[in-house]
Amino acid sequence: MPSKRDDVTELAKAQRQSLFSEFLDFLKHNKKWWLLPIVLVLLALGALVVLSGSGAAPFIYTLF
């Protein structure tokens, strides 16, 4: 029977998931699919904020 220390060592050696795949696993297992549109809109708004400070700002402003 493996000890608890061996289990922890195996977990430490395992390859970690990326943040995106871990988030998708969370959505799938907890049935929280309603969070996905919220996160996507927040990412899009964040991208707009970042791009508004760059040379792409005049092109973004014409979209609105």
N, C-alpha and C. Protein backbone atom coordinates (compact mmCIF):
# COMPACT_ATOMS: atom_id res chain seq x y z
N MET A 1 0.84 -1.18 0.00
CA MET A 1 0.00 0.00 0.00
C MET A 1 0.89 1.24 0.00
N PRO A 2 0.71 2.12 -0.99
CA PRO A 2 1.56 3.31 -1.06
C PRO A 2 1.22 4.28 0.07
N SER A 3 2.25 4.91 0.54
CA SER A 3 2.05 5.88 1.63
C SER A 3 1.52 7.20 1.08
N LYS A 4 1.09 8.04 1.98
CA LYS A 4 0.56 9.35 1.58
C LYS A 4 1.66 10.21 0.96
N ARG A 5 2.88 10.02 1.43
CA ARG A 5 4.01 10.78 0.90
C ARG A 5 4.27 10.44 -0.57
N ASP A 6 4.10 9.15 -0.93
CA ASP A 6 4.28 8.73 -2.32
C ASP A 6 3.22 9.35 -3.23
N ASP A 7 2.00 9.45 -2.71
CA ASP A 7 0.92 10.05 -3.49
C ASP A 7 1.22 11.52 -3.78
N VAL A 8 1.72 12.22 -2.79
CA VAL A 8 2.04 13.64 -2.95
C VAL A 8 3.19 13.80 -3.95
N THR A 9 4.16 12.90 -3.89
CA THR A 9 5.29 12.95 -4.81
C THR A 9 4.83 12.72 -6.24
N GLU A 10 3.90 11.78 -6.44
CA GLU A 10 3.37 11.52 -7.78
C GLU A 10 2.61 12.74 -8.31
N LEU A 11 1.84 13.37 -7.46
CA LEU A 11 1.10 14.56 -7.88
C LEU A 11 2.04 15.70 -8.23
N ALA A 12 3.13 15.82 -7.51
CA ALA A 12 4.09 16.90 -7.78
C ALA A 12 4.80 16.68 -9.10
N LYS A 13 5.00 15.42 -9.48
CA LYS A 13 5.69 15.11 -10.73
C LYS A 13 4.77 15.19 -11.94
N ALA A 14 3.48 15.16 -11.72
CA ALA A 14 2.51 15.18 -12.82
C ALA A 14 2.56 16.52 -13.53
N GLN A 15 2.29 16.48 -14.83
CA GLN A 15 2.30 17.71 -15.62
C GLN A 15 1.07 18.54 -15.27
N ARG A 16 1.30 19.83 -15.08
CA ARG A 16 0.20 20.73 -14.70
C ARG A 16 -0.59 21.15 -15.92
N GLN A 17 -1.89 21.37 -15.70
CA GLN A 17 -2.75 21.84 -16.76
C GLN A 17 -2.58 23.35 -16.92
N SER A 18 -2.88 23.82 -18.11
CA SER A 18 -2.87 25.26 -18.31
C SER A 18 -4.10 25.87 -17.64
N LEU A 19 -4.06 27.16 -17.45
CA LEU A 19 -5.18 27.84 -16.79
C LEU A 19 -6.46 27.70 -17.60
N PHE A 20 -6.33 27.78 -18.93
CA PHE A 20 -7.50 27.67 -19.80
C PHE A 20 -8.13 26.29 -19.71
N SER A 21 -7.31 25.23 -19.79
CA SER A 21 -7.87 23.88 -19.72
C SER A 21 -8.44 23.58 -18.34
N GLU A 22 -7.82 24.12 -17.31
CA GLU A 22 -8.35 23.93 -15.96
C GLU A 22 -9.70 24.64 -15.81
N PHE A 23 -9.83 25.82 -16.41
CA PHE A 23 -11.09 26.55 -16.37
C PHE A 23 -12.18 25.78 -17.13
N LEU A 24 -11.84 25.21 -18.27
CA LEU A 24 -12.82 24.42 -19.02
C LEU A 24 -13.24 23.18 -18.25
N ASP A 25 -12.31 22.53 -17.58
CA ASP A 25 -12.66 21.38 -16.73
C ASP A 25 -13.60 21.80 -15.61
N PHE A 26 -13.34 22.96 -15.02
CA PHE A 26 -14.22 23.47 -13.98
C PHE A 26 -15.64 23.68 -14.51
N LEU A 27 -15.74 24.30 -15.70
CA LEU A 27 -17.06 24.54 -16.29
C LEU A 27 -17.78 23.23 -16.58
N LYS A 28 -17.04 22.25 -17.08
CA LYS A 28 -17.65 20.99 -17.47
C LYS A 28 -18.13 20.20 -16.25
N HIS A 29 -17.31 20.13 -15.22
CA HIS A 29 -17.65 19.30 -14.07
C HIS A 29 -18.68 19.95 -13.15
N ASN A 30 -18.69 21.26 -13.10
CA ASN A 30 -19.63 21.95 -12.21
C ASN A 30 -20.85 22.51 -12.93
N LYS A 31 -20.93 22.26 -14.23
CA LYS A 31 -22.08 22.69 -15.05
C LYS A 31 -22.34 24.19 -14.91
N LYS A 32 -21.28 24.97 -15.05
CA LYS A 32 -21.37 26.42 -14.93
C LYS A 32 -21.13 27.08 -16.29
N TRP A 33 -21.79 26.59 -17.32
CA TRP A 33 -21.55 27.10 -18.67
C TRP A 33 -21.96 28.55 -18.83
N TRP A 34 -22.81 29.06 -17.93
CA TRP A 34 -23.24 30.45 -18.01
C TRP A 34 -22.08 31.40 -17.72
N LEU A 35 -20.99 30.91 -17.13
CA LEU A 35 -19.83 31.77 -16.85
C LEU A 35 -19.02 32.07 -18.11
N LEU A 36 -19.09 31.20 -19.10
CA LEU A 36 -18.26 31.35 -20.30
C LEU A 36 -18.52 32.67 -21.04
N PRO A 37 -19.77 33.07 -21.32
CA PRO A 37 -19.97 34.37 -22.00
C PRO A 37 -19.49 35.56 -21.18
N ILE A 38 -19.63 35.48 -19.87
CA ILE A 38 -19.17 36.58 -19.02
C ILE A 38 -17.66 36.73 -19.13
N VAL A 39 -16.94 35.61 -19.06
CA VAL A 39 -15.48 35.65 -19.15
C VAL A 39 -15.04 36.14 -20.52
N LEU A 40 -15.72 35.70 -21.58
CA LEU A 40 -15.35 36.14 -22.93
C LEU A 40 -15.56 37.64 -23.11
N VAL A 41 -16.65 38.18 -22.58
CA VAL A 41 -16.90 39.62 -22.69
C VAL A 41 -15.85 40.40 -21.90
N LEU A 42 -15.50 39.91 -20.71
CA LEU A 42 -14.47 40.58 -19.92
C LEU A 42 -13.12 40.56 -20.63
N LEU A 43 -12.79 39.45 -21.28
CA LEU A 43 -11.54 39.39 -22.05
C LEU A 43 -11.56 40.35 -23.23
N ALA A 44 -12.70 40.45 -23.91
CA ALA A 44 -12.81 41.37 -25.04
C ALA A 44 -12.68 42.82 -24.58
N LEU A 45 -13.31 43.17 -23.46
CA LEU A 45 -13.18 44.53 -22.94
C LEU A 45 -11.76 44.82 -22.50
N GLY A 46 -11.10 43.84 -21.92
CA GLY A 46 -9.71 44.01 -21.54
C GLY A 46 -8.82 44.23 -22.75
N ALA A 47 -9.10 43.52 -23.83
CA ALA A 47 -8.32 43.70 -25.06
C ALA A 47 -8.56 45.10 -25.63
N LEU A 48 -9.79 45.59 -25.55
CA LEU A 48 -10.07 46.95 -26.02
C LEU A 48 -9.32 47.99 -25.21
N VAL A 49 -9.24 47.79 -23.92
CA VAL A 49 -8.53 48.74 -23.06
C VAL A 49 -7.04 48.74 -23.41
N VAL A 50 -6.48 47.57 -23.61
CA VAL A 50 -5.05 47.47 -23.94
C VAL A 50 -4.78 48.09 -25.31
N LEU A 51 -5.65 47.81 -26.27
CA LEU A 51 -5.43 48.33 -27.62
C LEU A 51 -5.72 49.82 -27.74
N SER A 52 -6.53 50.37 -26.82
CA SER A 52 -6.84 51.80 -26.91
C SER A 52 -5.63 52.66 -26.58
N GLY A 53 -4.66 52.10 -25.92
CA GLY A 53 -3.44 52.85 -25.62
C GLY A 53 -2.36 52.66 -26.66
N SER A 54 -2.67 51.99 -27.75
CA SER A 54 -1.66 51.72 -28.77
C SER A 54 -2.00 52.47 -30.06
N GLY A 55 -1.29 52.14 -31.11
CA GLY A 55 -1.52 52.79 -32.40
C GLY A 55 -2.80 52.34 -33.06
N ALA A 56 -3.44 51.32 -32.52
CA ALA A 56 -4.68 50.82 -33.11
C ALA A 56 -5.91 51.59 -32.63
N ALA A 57 -5.72 52.54 -31.74
CA ALA A 57 -6.84 53.27 -31.15
C ALA A 57 -7.73 53.97 -32.19
N PRO A 58 -7.18 54.65 -33.19
CA PRO A 58 -8.07 55.29 -34.16
C PRO A 58 -8.96 54.30 -34.91
N PHE A 59 -8.48 53.10 -35.11
CA PHE A 59 -9.27 52.10 -35.83
C PHE A 59 -10.36 51.51 -34.94
N ILE A 60 -10.07 51.40 -33.64
CA ILE A 60 -11.08 50.88 -32.70
C ILE A 60 -12.19 51.88 -32.50
N TYR A 61 -11.87 53.16 -32.42
CA TYR A 61 -12.87 54.18 -32.19
C TYR A 61 -13.85 54.28 -33.36
N THR A 62 -13.41 53.94 -34.56
CA THR A 62 -14.32 54.00 -35.69
C THR A 62 -15.35 52.87 -35.66
N LEU A 63 -15.10 51.82 -34.89
CA LEU A 63 -16.06 50.72 -34.78
C LEU A 63 -17.30 51.15 -33.98
N PHE A 64 -17.12 52.12 -33.09
CA PHE A 64 -18.24 52.54 -32.26
C PHE A 64 -18.76 53.85 -32.76
